[in-house]
């Protein structure tokens, strides 16, 4: 079964296409919309820090943790 495109990747591609979803993006992922391999532990760590900042209203290092994750909108020409 073909993998589905990531939602954020679809939004990013739409933003680069004058706000319209490109015609080549359908129900199957394209090289532009396929999942970016990311260590699940890093994603959990970032999510935990974001939630802790929301609860405690103190810096928990969320910005740095989120910035360490791949960002499809920032890393358009990235190598995998």
Protein backbone atom coordinates (compact mmCIF):
# COMPACT_ATOMS: atom_id res chain seq x y z
CA UNK A 1 0.00 0.00 0.00
CA UNK A 2 1.33 3.43 -0.90
CA UNK A 3 2.16 5.78 1.94
CA UNK A 4 0.00 8.86 2.36
CA UNK A 5 1.52 12.33 2.12
CA UNK A 6 2.17 14.17 5.37
CA UNK A 7 -0.43 16.87 6.01
CA UNK A 8 2.15 19.57 6.78
CA UNK A 9 4.04 18.67 3.62
CA UNK A 10 0.86 19.14 1.62
CA UNK A 11 0.24 22.52 3.26
CA UNK A 12 3.83 23.59 2.56
CA UNK A 13 3.58 22.51 -1.08
CA UNK A 14 0.30 24.42 -1.38
CA UNK A 15 1.91 27.53 0.09
CA UNK A 16 4.67 27.31 -2.53
CA UNK A 17 2.00 26.91 -5.24
CA UNK A 18 0.03 30.15 -4.74
CA UNK A 19 -2.19 28.55 -2.08
CA UNK A 20 -3.42 25.68 -4.26
CA UNK A 21 -2.61 22.02 -3.77
CA UNK A 22 -0.32 20.91 -6.61
CA UNK A 23 -2.00 18.50 -9.02
CA UNK A 24 0.71 15.86 -8.50
CA UNK A 25 -0.18 15.53 -4.80
CA UNK A 26 -2.90 12.97 -4.37
CA UNK A 27 -3.48 10.11 -1.97
CA UNK A 28 0.03 8.69 -2.33
CA UNK A 29 3.16 10.44 -1.09
CA UNK A 30 5.50 12.07 -3.59
CA UNK A 31 9.22 12.68 -2.92
CA UNK A 32 8.20 16.17 -1.76
CA UNK A 33 5.51 14.93 0.66
CA UNK A 34 6.87 11.63 1.97
CA UNK A 35 7.68 11.32 5.65
CA UNK A 36 11.00 12.68 6.83
CA UNK A 37 12.84 10.08 8.90
CA UNK A 38 13.04 11.43 12.43
CA UNK A 39 14.07 9.82 15.70
CA UNK A 40 10.81 9.26 17.62
CA UNK A 41 12.61 10.03 20.90
CA UNK A 42 13.44 13.54 19.62
CA UNK A 43 9.80 14.11 18.67
CA UNK A 44 8.59 12.93 22.09
CA UNK A 45 11.18 15.12 23.83
CA UNK A 46 10.13 18.19 21.84
CA UNK A 47 6.42 17.55 22.44
CA UNK A 48 7.02 17.06 26.16
CA UNK A 49 8.93 20.32 26.42
CA UNK A 50 6.24 22.23 24.51
CA UNK A 51 3.52 20.86 26.80
CA UNK A 52 5.55 21.56 29.95
CA UNK A 53 6.05 25.17 28.86
CA UNK A 54 2.31 25.49 28.42
CA UNK A 55 1.63 24.10 31.88
CA UNK A 56 4.40 25.76 33.88
CA UNK A 57 4.71 29.00 31.87
CA UNK A 58 8.51 28.73 32.15
CA UNK A 59 11.19 27.97 29.58
CA UNK A 60 11.65 24.21 29.30
CA UNK A 61 13.85 24.26 26.16
CA UNK A 62 11.00 23.71 23.71
CA UNK A 63 12.29 26.14 21.09
CA UNK A 64 15.66 24.39 20.83
CA UNK A 65 14.05 20.93 20.83
CA UNK A 66 11.62 21.89 18.06
CA UNK A 67 14.36 23.58 16.04
CA UNK A 68 16.39 20.35 16.20
CA UNK A 69 13.62 18.50 14.34
CA UNK A 70 13.47 18.51 10.53
CA UNK A 71 11.29 21.29 9.17
CA UNK A 72 9.88 20.66 5.71
CA UNK A 73 9.02 24.33 5.18
CA UNK A 74 12.55 25.43 6.07
CA UNK A 75 14.51 22.50 4.60
CA UNK A 76 13.02 22.43 1.10
CA UNK A 77 16.27 21.51 -0.66
CA UNK A 78 17.49 19.14 2.01
CA UNK A 79 19.35 15.90 1.41
CA UNK A 80 18.05 12.71 2.99
